[in-house]
PDB file of N, CA and C in Angstrom:
ATOM      1  N   MET A   1     -15.304   2.518  21.400  1.00  0.00           N
ATOM      2  CA  MET A   1     -15.429   2.944  20.025  1.00  0.00           C
ATOM      3  C   MET A   1     -14.070   2.764  19.342  1.00  0.00           C
ATOM      4  N   SER A   2     -14.026   1.886  18.391  1.00  0.00           N
ATOM      5  CA  SER A   2     -12.766   1.665  17.686  1.00  0.00           C
ATOM      6  C   SER A   2     -12.801   2.349  16.322  1.00  0.00           C
ATOM      7  N   VAL A   3     -11.661   2.907  15.978  1.00  0.00           N
ATOM      8  CA  VAL A   3     -11.515   3.601  14.707  1.00  0.00           C
ATOM      9  C   VAL A   3     -10.450   2.878  13.903  1.00  0.00           C
ATOM     10  N   CYS A   4     -10.742   2.645  12.661  1.00  0.00           N
ATOM     11  CA  CYS A   4      -9.820   1.959  11.767  1.00  0.00           C
ATOM     12  C   CYS A   4      -9.412   2.924  10.657  1.00  0.00           C
ATOM     13  N   LYS A   5      -8.152   2.818  10.226  1.00  0.00           N
ATOM     14  CA  LYS A   5      -7.676   3.665   9.134  1.00  0.00           C
ATOM     15  C   LYS A   5      -7.353   2.798   7.921  1.00  0.00           C
ATOM     16  N   LYS A   6      -7.855   3.217   6.779  1.00  0.00           N
ATOM     17  CA  LYS A   6      -7.486   2.596   5.510  1.00  0.00           C
ATOM     18  C   LYS A   6      -6.734   3.647   4.715  1.00  0.00           C
ATOM     19  N   TYR A   7      -5.668   3.220   4.065  1.00  0.00           N
ATOM     20  CA  TYR A   7      -4.798   4.143   3.365  1.00  0.00           C
ATOM     21  C   TYR A   7      -4.975   4.019   1.855  1.00  0.00           C
ATOM     22  N   VAL A   8      -4.990   5.173   1.186  1.00  0.00           N
ATOM     23  CA  VAL A   8      -5.133   5.237  -0.264  1.00  0.00           C
ATOM     24  C   VAL A   8      -4.053   6.182  -0.791  1.00  0.00           C
ATOM     25  N   VAL A   9      -3.312   5.714  -1.806  1.00  0.00           N
ATOM     26  CA  VAL A   9      -2.269   6.538  -2.417  1.00  0.00           C
ATOM     27  C   VAL A   9      -2.718   6.920  -3.817  1.00  0.00           C
ATOM     28  N   ARG A  10      -2.655   8.208  -4.110  1.00  0.00           N
ATOM     29  CA  ARG A  10      -3.039   8.705  -5.433  1.00  0.00           C
ATOM     30  C   ARG A  10      -1.784   8.869  -6.275  1.00  0.00           C
ATOM     31  N   VAL A  11      -1.788   8.188  -7.430  1.00  0.00           N
ATOM     32  CA  VAL A  11      -0.683   8.269  -8.381  1.00  0.00           C
ATOM     33  C   VAL A  11      -1.292   8.602  -9.737  1.00  0.00           C
ATOM     34  N   GLY A  12      -1.014   9.792 -10.225  1.00  0.00           N
ATOM     35  CA  GLY A  12      -1.629  10.219 -11.482  1.00  0.00           C
ATOM     36  C   GLY A  12      -3.135  10.273 -11.304  1.00  0.00           C
ATOM     37  N   GLU A  13      -3.843   9.578 -12.174  1.00  0.00           N
ATOM     38  CA  GLU A  13      -5.308   9.525 -12.088  1.00  0.00           C
ATOM     39  C   GLU A  13      -5.802   8.314 -11.293  1.00  0.00           C
ATOM     40  N   LYS A  14      -4.875   7.487 -10.800  1.00  0.00           N
ATOM     41  CA  LYS A  14      -5.251   6.249 -10.108  1.00  0.00           C
ATOM     42  C   LYS A  14      -5.172   6.422  -8.602  1.00  0.00           C
ATOM     43  N   GLU A  15      -6.030   5.704  -7.912  1.00  0.00           N
ATOM     44  CA  GLU A  15      -5.968   5.622  -6.461  1.00  0.00           C
ATOM     45  C   GLU A  15      -5.740   4.162  -6.103  1.00  0.00           C
ATOM     46  N   ILE A  16      -4.684   3.909  -5.335  1.00  0.00           N
ATOM     47  CA  ILE A  16      -4.339   2.544  -4.948  1.00  0.00           C
ATOM     48  C   ILE A  16      -4.600   2.395  -3.457  1.00  0.00           C
ATOM     49  N   GLU A  17      -5.537   1.499  -3.124  1.00  0.00           N
ATOM     50  CA  GLU A  17      -5.795   1.220  -1.718  1.00  0.00           C
ATOM     51  C   GLU A  17      -4.717   0.281  -1.213  1.00  0.00           C
ATOM     52  N   ILE A  18      -4.167   0.610  -0.057  1.00  0.00           N
ATOM     53  CA  ILE A  18      -3.118  -0.226   0.522  1.00  0.00           C
ATOM     54  C   ILE A  18      -3.800  -1.386   1.237  1.00  0.00           C
ATOM     55  N   ASP A  19      -3.776  -2.538   0.576  1.00  0.00           N
ATOM     56  CA  ASP A  19      -4.347  -3.750   1.160  1.00  0.00           C
ATOM     57  C   ASP A  19      -3.231  -4.781   1.332  1.00  0.00           C
ATOM     58  N   GLU A  20      -3.595  -5.987   1.731  1.00  0.00           N
ATOM     59  CA  GLU A  20      -2.592  -7.024   1.987  1.00  0.00           C
ATOM     60  C   GLU A  20      -1.768  -7.331   0.742  1.00  0.00           C
ATOM     61  N   LYS A  21      -2.408  -7.365  -0.419  1.00  0.00           N
ATOM     62  CA  LYS A  21      -1.701  -7.670  -1.664  1.00  0.00           C
ATOM     63  C   LYS A  21      -0.644  -6.610  -1.971  1.00  0.00           C
ATOM     64  N   VAL A  22      -1.006  -5.345  -1.818  1.00  0.00           N
ATOM     65  CA  VAL A  22      -0.068  -4.251  -2.084  1.00  0.00           C
ATOM     66  C   VAL A  22       1.076  -4.292  -1.077  1.00  0.00           C
ATOM     67  N   VAL A  23       0.778  -4.580   0.185  1.00  0.00           N
ATOM     68  CA  VAL A  23       1.827  -4.661   1.204  1.00  0.00           C
ATOM     69  C   VAL A  23       2.785  -5.811   0.885  1.00  0.00           C
ATOM     70  N   LYS A  24       2.274  -6.947   0.411  1.00  0.00           N
ATOM     71  CA  LYS A  24       3.152  -8.056   0.015  1.00  0.00           C
ATOM     72  C   LYS A  24       4.092  -7.624  -1.106  1.00  0.00           C
ATOM     73  N   ILE A  25       3.557  -6.907  -2.095  1.00  0.00           N
ATOM     74  CA  ILE A  25       4.379  -6.429  -3.208  1.00  0.00           C
ATOM     75  C   ILE A  25       5.438  -5.457  -2.696  1.00  0.00           C
ATOM     76  N   LEU A  26       5.049  -4.556  -1.800  1.00  0.00           N
ATOM     77  CA  LEU A  26       6.005  -3.607  -1.226  1.00  0.00           C
ATOM     78  C   LEU A  26       7.077  -4.314  -0.409  1.00  0.00           C
ATOM     79  N   ASN A  27       6.689  -5.354   0.335  1.00  0.00           N
ATOM     80  CA  ASN A  27       7.666  -6.134   1.096  1.00  0.00           C
ATOM     81  C   ASN A  27       8.729  -6.713   0.176  1.00  0.00           C
ATOM     82  N   ILE A  28       8.298  -7.265  -0.939  1.00  0.00           N
ATOM     83  CA  ILE A  28       9.246  -7.818  -1.909  1.00  0.00           C
ATOM     84  C   ILE A  28      10.114  -6.707  -2.486  1.00  0.00           C
ATOM     85  N   TYR A  29       9.506  -5.577  -2.807  1.00  0.00           N
ATOM     86  CA  TYR A  29      10.247  -4.455  -3.389  1.00  0.00           C
ATOM     87  C   TYR A  29      11.360  -3.975  -2.461  1.00  0.00           C
ATOM     88  N   VAL A  30      11.054  -3.771  -1.175  1.00  0.00           N
ATOM     89  CA  VAL A  30      12.062  -3.218  -0.264  1.00  0.00           C
ATOM     90  C   VAL A  30      13.096  -4.246   0.188  1.00  0.00           C
ATOM     91  N   ARG A  31      12.784  -5.522   0.073  1.00  0.00           N
ATOM     92  CA  ARG A  31      13.705  -6.557   0.564  1.00  0.00           C
ATOM     93  C   ARG A  31      14.512  -7.239  -0.541  1.00  0.00           C
ATOM     94  N   THR A  32      14.197  -6.973  -1.789  1.00  0.00           N
ATOM     95  CA  THR A  32      14.903  -7.623  -2.894  1.00  0.00           C
ATOM     96  C   THR A  32      15.340  -6.583  -3.917  1.00  0.00           C
ATOM     97  N   GLU A  33      15.810  -7.046  -5.033  1.00  0.00           N
ATOM     98  CA  GLU A  33      16.277  -6.157  -6.095  1.00  0.00           C
ATOM     99  C   GLU A  33      15.202  -5.902  -7.148  1.00  0.00           C
ATOM    100  N   MET A  34      13.949  -5.892  -6.743  1.00  0.00           N
ATOM    101  CA  MET A  34      12.869  -5.598  -7.684  1.00  0.00           C
ATOM    102  C   MET A  34      13.050  -4.174  -8.211  1.00  0.00           C
ATOM    103  N   ASN A  35      12.980  -4.022  -9.524  1.00  0.00           N
ATOM    104  CA  ASN A  35      13.129  -2.677 -10.092  1.00  0.00           C
ATOM    105  C   ASN A  35      11.774  -1.998 -10.232  1.00  0.00           C
ATOM    106  N   LEU A  36      11.802  -0.715 -10.584  1.00  0.00           N
ATOM    107  CA  LEU A  36      10.564   0.065 -10.678  1.00  0.00           C
ATOM    108  C   LEU A  36       9.653  -0.420 -11.794  1.00  0.00           C
ATOM    109  N   GLU A  37      10.232  -0.934 -12.893  1.00  0.00           N
ATOM    110  CA  GLU A  37       9.403  -1.475 -13.983  1.00  0.00           C
ATOM    111  C   GLU A  37       8.567  -2.650 -13.485  1.00  0.00           C
ATOM    112  N   LYS A  38       9.199  -3.550 -12.726  1.00  0.00           N
ATOM    113  CA  LYS A  38       8.494  -4.723 -12.196  1.00  0.00           C
ATOM    114  C   LYS A  38       7.448  -4.293 -11.161  1.00  0.00           C
ATOM    115  N   LEU A  39       7.804  -3.315 -10.339  1.00  0.00           N
ATOM    116  CA  LEU A  39       6.848  -2.801  -9.352  1.00  0.00           C
ATOM    117  C   LEU A  39       5.628  -2.220 -10.054  1.00  0.00           C
ATOM    118  N   ALA A  40       5.867  -1.453 -11.111  1.00  0.00           N
ATOM    119  CA  ALA A  40       4.753  -0.865 -11.874  1.00  0.00           C
ATOM    120  C   ALA A  40       3.863  -1.957 -12.447  1.00  0.00           C
ATOM    121  N   GLU A  41       4.469  -3.001 -12.970  1.00  0.00           N
ATOM    122  CA  GLU A  41       3.709  -4.121 -13.543  1.00  0.00           C
ATOM    123  C   GLU A  41       2.858  -4.793 -12.470  1.00  0.00           C
ATOM    124  N   GLU A  42       3.441  -5.037 -11.305  1.00  0.00           N
ATOM    125  CA  GLU A  42       2.731  -5.710 -10.211  1.00  0.00           C
ATOM    126  C   GLU A  42       1.558  -4.877  -9.686  1.00  0.00           C
ATOM    127  N   LEU A  43       1.733  -3.555  -9.670  1.00  0.00           N
ATOM    128  CA  LEU A  43       0.691  -2.669  -9.128  1.00  0.00           C
ATOM    129  C   LEU A  43      -0.299  -2.189 -10.184  1.00  0.00           C
ATOM    130  N   GLY A  44      -0.032  -2.503 -11.447  1.00  0.00           N
ATOM    131  CA  GLY A  44      -0.923  -2.061 -12.514  1.00  0.00           C
ATOM    132  C   GLY A  44      -0.747  -0.598 -12.876  1.00  0.00           C
ATOM    133  N   LEU A  45       0.464  -0.104 -12.711  1.00  0.00           N
ATOM    134  CA  LEU A  45       0.760   1.283 -13.047  1.00  0.00           C
ATOM    135  C   LEU A  45       1.283   1.370 -14.475  1.00  0.00           C
ATOM    136  N   ASP A  46       1.375   2.604 -15.002  1.00  0.00           N
ATOM    137  CA  ASP A  46       1.726   2.817 -16.402  1.00  0.00           C
ATOM    138  C   ASP A  46       3.220   2.977 -16.669  1.00  0.00           C
ATOM    139  N   GLY A  47       4.054   2.513 -15.802  1.00  0.00           N
ATOM    140  CA  GLY A  47       5.491   2.594 -16.058  1.00  0.00           C
ATOM    141  C   GLY A  47       6.272   2.933 -14.805  1.00  0.00           C
ATOM    142  N   TRP A  48       7.589   2.975 -14.999  1.00  0.00           N
ATOM    143  CA  TRP A  48       8.459   3.185 -13.845  1.00  0.00           C
ATOM    144  C   TRP A  48       8.259   4.563 -13.209  1.00  0.00           C
ATOM    145  N   ALA A  49       7.875   5.564 -13.985  1.00  0.00           N
ATOM    146  CA  ALA A  49       7.692   6.908 -13.436  1.00  0.00           C
ATOM    147  C   ALA A  49       6.541   6.929 -12.412  1.00  0.00           C
ATOM    148  N   GLU A  50       5.444   6.260 -12.725  1.00  0.00           N
ATOM    149  CA  GLU A  50       4.331   6.180 -11.770  1.00  0.00           C
ATOM    150  C   GLU A  50       4.735   5.357 -10.549  1.00  0.00           C
ATOM    151  N   ALA A  51       5.500   4.288 -10.763  1.00  0.00           N
ATOM    152  CA  ALA A  51       5.971   3.478  -9.640  1.00  0.00           C
ATOM    153  C   ALA A  51       6.873   4.316  -8.736  1.00  0.00           C
ATOM    154  N   TYR A  52       7.704   5.157  -9.335  1.00  0.00           N
ATOM    155  CA  TYR A  52       8.585   6.041  -8.563  1.00  0.00           C
ATOM    156  C   TYR A  52       7.767   7.024  -7.730  1.00  0.00           C
ATOM    157  N   GLU A  53       6.727   7.601  -8.306  1.00  0.00           N
ATOM    158  CA  GLU A  53       5.852   8.514  -7.570  1.00  0.00           C
ATOM    159  C   GLU A  53       5.176   7.785  -6.405  1.00  0.00           C
ATOM    160  N   PHE A  54       4.757   6.546  -6.653  1.00  0.00           N
ATOM    161  CA  PHE A  54       4.126   5.734  -5.605  1.00  0.00           C
ATOM    162  C   PHE A  54       5.098   5.501  -4.454  1.00  0.00           C
ATOM    163  N   VAL A  55       6.334   5.112  -4.786  1.00  0.00           N
ATOM    164  CA  VAL A  55       7.335   4.833  -3.758  1.00  0.00           C
ATOM    165  C   VAL A  55       7.659   6.096  -2.956  1.00  0.00           C
ATOM    166  N   LYS A  56       7.695   7.242  -3.621  1.00  0.00           N
ATOM    167  CA  LYS A  56       7.968   8.494  -2.908  1.00  0.00           C
ATOM    168  C   LYS A  56       6.861   8.835  -1.919  1.00  0.00           C
ATOM    169  N   LYS A  57       5.630   8.491  -2.239  1.00  0.00           N
ATOM    170  CA  LYS A  57       4.492   8.852  -1.384  1.00  0.00           C
ATOM    171  C   LYS A  57       4.249   7.872  -0.246  1.00  0.00           C
ATOM    172  N   ILE A  58       4.589   6.602  -0.445  1.00  0.00           N
ATOM    173  CA  ILE A  58       4.243   5.583   0.551  1.00  0.00           C
ATOM    174  C   ILE A  58       5.132   5.730   1.794  1.00  0.00           C
ATOM    175  N   PRO A  59       4.557   5.764   2.992  1.00  0.00           N
ATOM    176  CA  PRO A  59       5.385   5.827   4.199  1.00  0.00           C
ATOM    177  C   PRO A  59       6.222   4.548   4.350  1.00  0.00           C
ATOM    178  N   ALA A  60       7.457   4.692   4.779  1.00  0.00           N
ATOM    179  CA  ALA A  60       8.366   3.545   4.903  1.00  0.00           C
ATOM    180  C   ALA A  60       7.816   2.490   5.861  1.00  0.00           C
ATOM    181  N   TRP A  61       7.125   2.913   6.909  1.00  0.00           N
ATOM    182  CA  TRP A  61       6.632   1.926   7.873  1.00  0.00           C
ATOM    183  C   TRP A  61       5.618   0.987   7.236  1.00  0.00           C
ATOM    184  N   ILE A  62       4.887   1.456   6.231  1.00  0.00           N
ATOM    185  CA  ILE A  62       3.943   0.573   5.539  1.00  0.00           C
ATOM    186  C   ILE A  62       4.706  -0.433   4.690  1.00  0.00           C
ATOM    187  N   ALA A  63       5.728   0.029   3.983  1.00  0.00           N
ATOM    188  CA  ALA A  63       6.491  -0.856   3.105  1.00  0.00           C
ATOM    189  C   ALA A  63       7.199  -1.966   3.887  1.00  0.00           C
ATOM    190  N   TRP A  64       7.603  -1.688   5.119  1.00  0.00           N
ATOM    191  CA  TRP A  64       8.341  -2.667   5.915  1.00  0.00           C
ATOM    192  C   TRP A  64       7.439  -3.483   6.848  1.00  0.00           C
ATOM    193  N   THR A  65       6.150  -3.195   6.885  1.00  0.00           N
ATOM    194  CA  THR A  65       5.227  -3.962   7.732  1.00  0.00           C
ATOM    195  C   THR A  65       4.967  -5.329   7.111  1.00  0.00           C
ATOM    196  N   PRO A  66       5.158  -6.415   7.873  1.00  0.00           N
ATOM    197  CA  PRO A  66       4.848  -7.741   7.329  1.00  0.00           C
ATOM    198  C   PRO A  66       3.371  -7.819   6.939  1.00  0.00           C
ATOM    199  N   SER A  67       3.100  -8.465   5.825  1.00  0.00           N
ATOM    200  CA  SER A  67       1.736  -8.507   5.298  1.00  0.00           C
ATOM    201  C   SER A  67       0.754  -9.184   6.252  1.00  0.00           C
ATOM    202  N   ILE A  68       1.220 -10.145   7.044  1.00  0.00           N
ATOM    203  CA  ILE A  68       0.312 -10.820   7.979  1.00  0.00           C
ATOM    204  C   ILE A  68      -0.165  -9.841   9.068  1.00  0.00           C
ATOM    205  N   LEU A  69       0.707  -8.941   9.509  1.00  0.00           N
ATOM    206  CA  LEU A  69       0.286  -7.925  10.480  1.00  0.00           C
ATOM    207  C   LEU A  69      -0.707  -6.957   9.858  1.00  0.00           C
ATOM    208  N   TRP A  70      -0.456  -6.597   8.594  1.00  0.00           N
ATOM    209  CA  TRP A  70      -1.381  -5.702   7.895  1.00  0.00           C
ATOM    210  C   TRP A  70      -2.755  -6.368   7.766  1.00  0.00           C
ATOM    211  N   GLN A  71      -2.742  -7.658   7.434  1.00  0.00           N
ATOM    212  CA  GLN A  71      -3.991  -8.400   7.289  1.00  0.00           C
ATOM    213  C   GLN A  71      -4.772  -8.391   8.603  1.00  0.00           C
ATOM    214  N   ARG A  72      -4.088  -8.609   9.708  1.00  0.00           N
ATOM    215  CA  ARG A  72      -4.770  -8.614  11.006  1.00  0.00           C
ATOM    216  C   ARG A  72      -5.361  -7.247  11.335  1.00  0.00           C
ATOM    217  N   GLU A  73      -4.641  -6.185  11.015  1.00  0.00           N
ATOM    218  CA  GLU A  73      -5.164  -4.845  11.252  1.00  0.00           C
ATOM    219  C   GLU A  73      -6.402  -4.578  10.402  1.00  0.00           C
ATOM    220  N   MET A  74      -6.383  -5.029   9.159  1.00  0.00           N
ATOM    221  CA  MET A  74      -7.532  -4.817   8.270  1.00  0.00           C
ATOM    222  C   MET A  74      -8.728  -5.657   8.698  1.00  0.00           C
ATOM    223  N   GLU A  75      -8.486  -6.808   9.320  1.00  0.00           N
ATOM    224  CA  GLU A  75      -9.589  -7.617   9.849  1.00  0.00           C
ATOM    225  C   GLU A  75     -10.287  -6.871  10.982  1.00  0.00           C
ATOM    226  N   LYS A  76      -9.529  -6.087  11.736  1.00  0.00           N
ATOM    227  CA  LYS A  76     -10.124  -5.283  12.807  1.00  0.00           C
ATOM    228  C   LYS A  76     -11.062  -4.223  12.227  1.00  0.00           C
ATOM    229  N   CYS A  77     -10.784  -3.796  11.001  1.00  0.00           N
ATOM    230  CA  CYS A  77     -11.624  -2.777  10.365  1.00  0.00           C
ATOM    231  C   CYS A  77     -13.043  -3.276  10.135  1.00  0.00           C
ATOM    232  N   GLU A  78     -13.188  -4.569   9.952  1.00  0.00           N
ATOM    233  CA  GLU A  78     -14.518  -5.136   9.731  1.00  0.00           C
ATOM    234  C   GLU A  78     -15.404  -4.954  10.963  1.00  0.00           C
ATOM    235  N   LYS A  79     -14.790  -4.902  12.146  1.00  0.00           N
ATOM    236  CA  LYS A  79     -15.542  -4.771  13.389  1.00  0.00           C
ATOM    237  C   LYS A  79     -15.528  -3.347  13.938  1.00  0.00           C
ATOM    238  N   ALA A  80     -14.789  -2.470  13.281  1.00  0.00           N
ATOM    239  CA  ALA A  80     -14.639  -1.104  13.782  1.00  0.00           C
ATOM    240  C   ALA A  80     -15.940  -0.325  13.641  1.00  0.00           C
ATOM    241  N   SER A  81     -16.140   0.588  14.566  1.00  0.00           N
ATOM    242  CA  SER A  81     -17.338   1.418  14.508  1.00  0.00           C
ATOM    243  C   SER A  81     -17.181   2.565  13.512  1.00  0.00           C
ATOM    244  N   GLU A  82     -15.932   2.902  13.199  1.00  0.00           N
ATOM    245  CA  GLU A  82     -15.674   3.987  12.261  1.00  0.00           C
ATOM    246  C   GLU A  82     -14.438   3.646  11.429  1.00  0.00           C
ATOM    247  N   VAL A  83     -14.512   3.891  10.134  1.00  0.00           N
ATOM    248  CA  VAL A  83     -13.390   3.669   9.232  1.00  0.00           C
ATOM    249  C   VAL A  83     -13.005   5.001   8.605  1.00  0.00           C
ATOM    250  N   LYS A  84     -11.761   5.399   8.807  1.00  0.00           N
ATOM    251  CA  LYS A  84     -11.259   6.642   8.229  1.00  0.00           C
ATOM    252  C   LYS A  84     -10.400   6.305   7.011  1.00  0.00           C
ATOM    253  N   ILE A  85     -10.618   7.018   5.940  1.00  0.00           N
ATOM    254  CA  ILE A  85      -9.804   6.864   4.738  1.00  0.00           C
ATOM    255  C   ILE A  85      -8.718   7.940   4.784  1.00  0.00           C
ATOM    256  N   VAL A  86      -7.470   7.497   4.781  1.00  0.00           N
ATOM    257  CA  VAL A  86      -6.336   8.419   4.802  1.00  0.00           C
ATOM    258  C   VAL A  86      -5.761   8.456   3.400  1.00  0.00           C
ATOM    259  N   LYS A  87      -5.855   9.622   2.741  1.00  0.00           N
ATOM    260  CA  LYS A  87      -5.330   9.769   1.385  1.00  0.00           C
ATOM    261  C   LYS A  87      -3.911  10.311   1.480  1.00  0.00           C
ATOM    262  N   ILE A  88      -3.016   9.617   0.818  1.00  0.00           N
ATOM    263  CA  ILE A  88      -1.601   9.983   0.840  1.00  0.00           C
ATOM    264  C   ILE A  88      -1.235  10.568  -0.519  1.00  0.00           C
TER     265      ILE A  88
END
């Protein structure tokens, strides 16, 4: 019996599911000089304040995980017998 976890971060009234696209954006954010305004734009948030709240909530291990590894883990979810939603 395999269990898969999907992560969701609540920022204001929005819920952002952590998928491969979001992990790619986070990878760029933590490895370059991307500012909070640009991060907010990429994630569809309403400004740097929401982006700051998002960054405070997201676990560092997710931000530093290469997107290809995240993609492989999410592919396992398709075959998992149970999917747990973890709200952050």
